[in-house]
N, C-alpha and C. Protein backbone atom coordinates (compact mmCIF):
# COMPACT_ATOMS: atom_id res chain seq x y z
N UNK A 1 18.52 -2.59 -3.88
CA UNK A 1 17.18 -2.90 -4.31
C UNK A 1 16.21 -2.07 -3.48
N UNK A 2 15.21 -1.52 -4.11
CA UNK A 2 14.25 -0.65 -3.41
C UNK A 2 13.00 -1.40 -2.99
N UNK A 3 12.56 -1.11 -1.79
CA UNK A 3 11.26 -1.57 -1.33
C UNK A 3 10.22 -0.71 -2.04
N UNK A 4 9.18 -1.33 -2.59
CA UNK A 4 8.16 -0.58 -3.32
C UNK A 4 7.18 0.16 -2.40
N UNK A 5 7.28 -0.08 -1.11
CA UNK A 5 6.39 0.59 -0.17
C UNK A 5 7.07 1.85 0.39
N UNK A 6 8.20 1.67 1.03
CA UNK A 6 8.87 2.81 1.69
C UNK A 6 9.94 3.44 0.82
N UNK A 7 10.25 2.81 -0.30
CA UNK A 7 11.27 3.30 -1.25
C UNK A 7 12.67 3.26 -0.68
N UNK A 8 12.85 2.57 0.44
CA UNK A 8 14.17 2.46 1.04
C UNK A 8 15.04 1.48 0.26
N UNK A 9 16.31 1.78 0.23
CA UNK A 9 17.26 0.90 -0.43
C UNK A 9 17.78 -0.15 0.55
N UNK A 10 17.78 -1.38 0.13
CA UNK A 10 18.19 -2.48 0.98
C UNK A 10 19.04 -3.45 0.19
N UNK A 11 19.79 -4.26 0.92
CA UNK A 11 20.50 -5.35 0.28
C UNK A 11 19.47 -6.31 -0.30
N UNK A 12 19.83 -6.95 -1.38
CA UNK A 12 18.89 -7.87 -2.03
C UNK A 12 18.36 -8.92 -1.06
N UNK A 13 19.18 -9.36 -0.14
CA UNK A 13 18.75 -10.38 0.81
C UNK A 13 17.74 -9.86 1.83
N UNK A 14 17.58 -8.55 1.93
CA UNK A 14 16.64 -7.95 2.88
C UNK A 14 15.30 -7.59 2.26
N UNK A 15 15.11 -7.91 0.98
CA UNK A 15 13.88 -7.57 0.28
C UNK A 15 13.27 -8.86 -0.27
N UNK A 16 11.96 -9.00 -0.09
CA UNK A 16 11.26 -10.17 -0.63
C UNK A 16 10.21 -9.70 -1.63
N UNK A 17 9.94 -10.55 -2.59
CA UNK A 17 8.88 -10.28 -3.56
C UNK A 17 7.72 -11.19 -3.23
N UNK A 18 6.56 -10.59 -3.06
CA UNK A 18 5.37 -11.40 -2.80
C UNK A 18 4.13 -10.66 -3.29
N UNK A 19 3.03 -11.36 -3.29
CA UNK A 19 1.78 -10.81 -3.79
C UNK A 19 1.25 -9.70 -2.89
N UNK A 20 0.67 -8.71 -3.51
CA UNK A 20 -0.02 -7.66 -2.78
C UNK A 20 -1.41 -8.21 -2.46
N UNK A 21 -1.85 -8.15 -1.21
CA UNK A 21 -3.16 -8.70 -0.86
C UNK A 21 -4.29 -8.07 -1.67
N UNK A 22 -5.16 -8.91 -2.20
CA UNK A 22 -6.37 -8.50 -2.90
C UNK A 22 -6.13 -7.81 -4.24
N UNK A 23 -4.89 -7.83 -4.73
CA UNK A 23 -4.56 -7.18 -5.99
C UNK A 23 -3.67 -8.12 -6.80
N UNK A 24 -3.91 -8.26 -8.10
CA UNK A 24 -3.06 -9.15 -8.89
C UNK A 24 -1.73 -8.50 -9.26
N UNK A 25 -0.87 -8.34 -8.26
CA UNK A 25 0.41 -7.68 -8.45
C UNK A 25 1.38 -8.19 -7.39
N UNK A 26 2.60 -8.42 -7.79
CA UNK A 26 3.66 -8.77 -6.84
C UNK A 26 4.59 -7.58 -6.69
N UNK A 27 5.01 -7.32 -5.47
CA UNK A 27 5.84 -6.15 -5.19
C UNK A 27 7.03 -6.56 -4.32
N UNK A 28 8.03 -5.68 -4.29
CA UNK A 28 9.19 -5.86 -3.42
C UNK A 28 8.89 -5.19 -2.08
N UNK A 29 9.10 -5.95 -0.99
CA UNK A 29 8.85 -5.46 0.35
C UNK A 29 10.11 -5.63 1.20
N UNK A 30 10.43 -4.61 2.01
CA UNK A 30 11.44 -4.81 3.04
C UNK A 30 10.74 -5.47 4.22
N UNK A 31 11.50 -5.98 5.15
CA UNK A 31 10.90 -6.68 6.30
C UNK A 31 9.99 -5.80 7.13
N UNK A 32 10.34 -4.51 7.30
CA UNK A 32 9.51 -3.61 8.09
C UNK A 32 8.15 -3.39 7.44
N UNK A 33 8.14 -3.14 6.15
CA UNK A 33 6.87 -2.88 5.45
C UNK A 33 6.01 -4.14 5.38
N UNK A 34 6.65 -5.27 5.13
CA UNK A 34 5.91 -6.53 5.09
C UNK A 34 5.30 -6.82 6.45
N UNK A 35 6.07 -6.62 7.51
CA UNK A 35 5.58 -6.86 8.85
C UNK A 35 4.45 -5.92 9.26
N UNK A 36 4.45 -4.72 8.69
CA UNK A 36 3.41 -3.74 9.01
C UNK A 36 2.13 -3.97 8.21
N UNK A 37 2.20 -4.85 7.23
CA UNK A 37 1.02 -5.09 6.39
C UNK A 37 0.78 -3.97 5.39
N UNK A 38 1.81 -3.17 5.13
CA UNK A 38 1.68 -2.04 4.21
C UNK A 38 1.86 -2.50 2.77
N UNK A 39 1.24 -1.77 1.84
CA UNK A 39 1.36 -2.05 0.42
C UNK A 39 1.84 -0.79 -0.29
N UNK A 40 2.29 -0.91 -1.54
CA UNK A 40 2.69 0.30 -2.27
C UNK A 40 1.54 1.31 -2.33
N UNK A 41 1.86 2.56 -2.05
CA UNK A 41 0.84 3.60 -1.95
C UNK A 41 0.06 3.76 -3.25
N UNK A 42 0.76 3.69 -4.37
CA UNK A 42 0.06 3.88 -5.65
C UNK A 42 -1.00 2.81 -5.87
N UNK A 43 -0.77 1.62 -5.34
CA UNK A 43 -1.78 0.56 -5.46
C UNK A 43 -2.97 0.87 -4.55
N UNK A 44 -2.70 1.37 -3.37
CA UNK A 44 -3.78 1.72 -2.44
C UNK A 44 -4.70 2.77 -3.04
N UNK A 45 -4.10 3.80 -3.65
CA UNK A 45 -4.93 4.87 -4.22
C UNK A 45 -5.65 4.39 -5.49
N UNK A 46 -4.94 3.71 -6.36
CA UNK A 46 -5.55 3.28 -7.63
C UNK A 46 -6.68 2.28 -7.41
N UNK A 47 -6.46 1.31 -6.55
CA UNK A 47 -7.49 0.29 -6.31
C UNK A 47 -8.71 0.88 -5.61
N UNK A 48 -8.48 1.82 -4.71
CA UNK A 48 -9.60 2.49 -4.04
C UNK A 48 -10.41 3.30 -5.04
N UNK A 49 -9.73 3.97 -5.93
CA UNK A 49 -10.42 4.75 -6.96
C UNK A 49 -11.21 3.83 -7.88
N UNK A 50 -10.62 2.69 -8.26
CA UNK A 50 -11.30 1.73 -9.13
C UNK A 50 -12.56 1.16 -8.48
N UNK A 51 -12.56 1.09 -7.17
CA UNK A 51 -13.74 0.59 -6.44
C UNK A 51 -14.85 1.63 -6.38
N UNK A 52 -14.55 2.84 -6.82
CA UNK A 52 -15.55 3.90 -6.77
C UNK A 52 -15.43 4.77 -5.53
N UNK A 53 -14.29 4.67 -4.85
CA UNK A 53 -14.06 5.50 -3.67
C UNK A 53 -14.09 4.70 -2.38
N UNK A 54 -13.66 5.37 -1.33
CA UNK A 54 -13.52 4.75 -0.01
C UNK A 54 -14.80 4.09 0.47
N UNK A 55 -15.92 4.75 0.29
CA UNK A 55 -17.19 4.23 0.81
C UNK A 55 -17.62 2.92 0.15
N UNK A 56 -17.12 2.66 -1.04
CA UNK A 56 -17.48 1.44 -1.77
C UNK A 56 -16.52 0.27 -1.49
N UNK A 57 -15.47 0.50 -0.73
CA UNK A 57 -14.47 -0.54 -0.47
C UNK A 57 -14.94 -1.50 0.63
N UNK A 58 -14.54 -2.75 0.52
CA UNK A 58 -14.87 -3.72 1.56
C UNK A 58 -13.96 -3.50 2.77
N UNK A 59 -14.39 -3.99 3.89
CA UNK A 59 -13.67 -3.76 5.15
C UNK A 59 -12.24 -4.31 5.13
N UNK A 60 -12.03 -5.45 4.49
CA UNK A 60 -10.69 -6.02 4.41
C UNK A 60 -9.73 -5.08 3.69
N UNK A 61 -10.19 -4.46 2.60
CA UNK A 61 -9.36 -3.50 1.88
C UNK A 61 -9.09 -2.27 2.73
N UNK A 62 -10.10 -1.79 3.41
CA UNK A 62 -9.93 -0.63 4.27
C UNK A 62 -8.87 -0.90 5.34
N UNK A 63 -8.84 -2.11 5.87
CA UNK A 63 -7.82 -2.46 6.86
C UNK A 63 -6.42 -2.41 6.28
N UNK A 64 -6.25 -2.92 5.07
CA UNK A 64 -4.94 -2.88 4.40
C UNK A 64 -4.51 -1.44 4.17
N UNK A 65 -5.44 -0.62 3.72
CA UNK A 65 -5.13 0.80 3.46
C UNK A 65 -4.77 1.50 4.76
N UNK A 66 -5.53 1.27 5.81
CA UNK A 66 -5.23 1.90 7.10
C UNK A 66 -3.85 1.49 7.62
N UNK A 67 -3.50 0.23 7.47
CA UNK A 67 -2.16 -0.23 7.87
C UNK A 67 -1.08 0.49 7.06
N UNK A 68 -1.35 0.66 5.77
CA UNK A 68 -0.39 1.34 4.88
C UNK A 68 -0.23 2.80 5.28
N UNK A 69 -1.34 3.49 5.51
CA UNK A 69 -1.28 4.90 5.87
C UNK A 69 -0.54 5.09 7.20
N UNK A 70 -0.82 4.23 8.15
CA UNK A 70 -0.15 4.32 9.44
C UNK A 70 1.35 4.12 9.28
N UNK A 71 1.73 3.11 8.53
CA UNK A 71 3.14 2.79 8.34
C UNK A 71 3.88 3.91 7.59
N UNK A 72 3.22 4.50 6.60
CA UNK A 72 3.86 5.55 5.80
C UNK A 72 3.63 6.95 6.37
N UNK A 73 2.89 7.03 7.47
CA UNK A 73 2.62 8.31 8.12
C UNK A 73 1.90 9.28 7.17
N UNK A 74 0.85 8.78 6.53
CA UNK A 74 0.02 9.57 5.62
C UNK A 74 -1.36 9.68 6.24
N UNK A 75 -1.92 10.87 6.23
CA UNK A 75 -3.25 11.05 6.82
C UNK A 75 -4.34 10.52 5.89
N UNK A 76 -5.46 10.18 6.48
CA UNK A 76 -6.61 9.76 5.69
C UNK A 76 -7.07 10.88 4.78
N UNK A 77 -6.99 12.10 5.27
CA UNK A 77 -7.37 13.26 4.46
C UNK A 77 -6.52 13.34 3.19
N UNK A 78 -5.22 13.17 3.33
CA UNK A 78 -4.33 13.22 2.17
C UNK A 78 -4.61 12.05 1.23
N UNK A 79 -4.83 10.88 1.80
CA UNK A 79 -5.14 9.71 0.99
C UNK A 79 -6.40 9.94 0.15
N UNK A 80 -7.46 10.44 0.76
CA UNK A 80 -8.70 10.67 0.03
C UNK A 80 -8.52 11.70 -1.08
N UNK A 81 -7.69 12.71 -0.85
CA UNK A 81 -7.38 13.67 -1.91
C UNK A 81 -6.64 12.98 -3.05
N UNK A 82 -5.69 12.12 -2.70
CA UNK A 82 -4.92 11.42 -3.73
C UNK A 82 -5.80 10.45 -4.52
N UNK A 83 -6.75 9.81 -3.86
CA UNK A 83 -7.69 8.93 -4.56
C UNK A 83 -8.51 9.76 -5.53
N UNK A 84 -8.97 10.90 -5.08
CA UNK A 84 -9.77 11.78 -5.94
C UNK A 84 -8.98 12.23 -7.18
N UNK A 85 -7.69 12.43 -7.01
CA UNK A 85 -6.84 12.87 -8.12
C UNK A 85 -6.35 11.73 -8.99
N UNK A 86 -6.67 10.50 -8.62
CA UNK A 86 -6.18 9.32 -9.35
C UNK A 86 -6.73 9.26 -10.75
């Protein structure tokens, strides 16, 4: 079973399904990604774009995105480009 955040393959018992914070979507998380507060990258980019860009996002969302970028080792510069291309 794949974690929707890191795309790592895990035994079914090592993956949990739970709600993505602030988004009406449930995703599969491995323990590392769940513990890091990371969310699926495609959700981070799509939801940020839907908000009208980074500057229009609330602080709570920005914190979730920053946790995700740190965990996935993605730069803010790359993230903003990906939001723009969304």
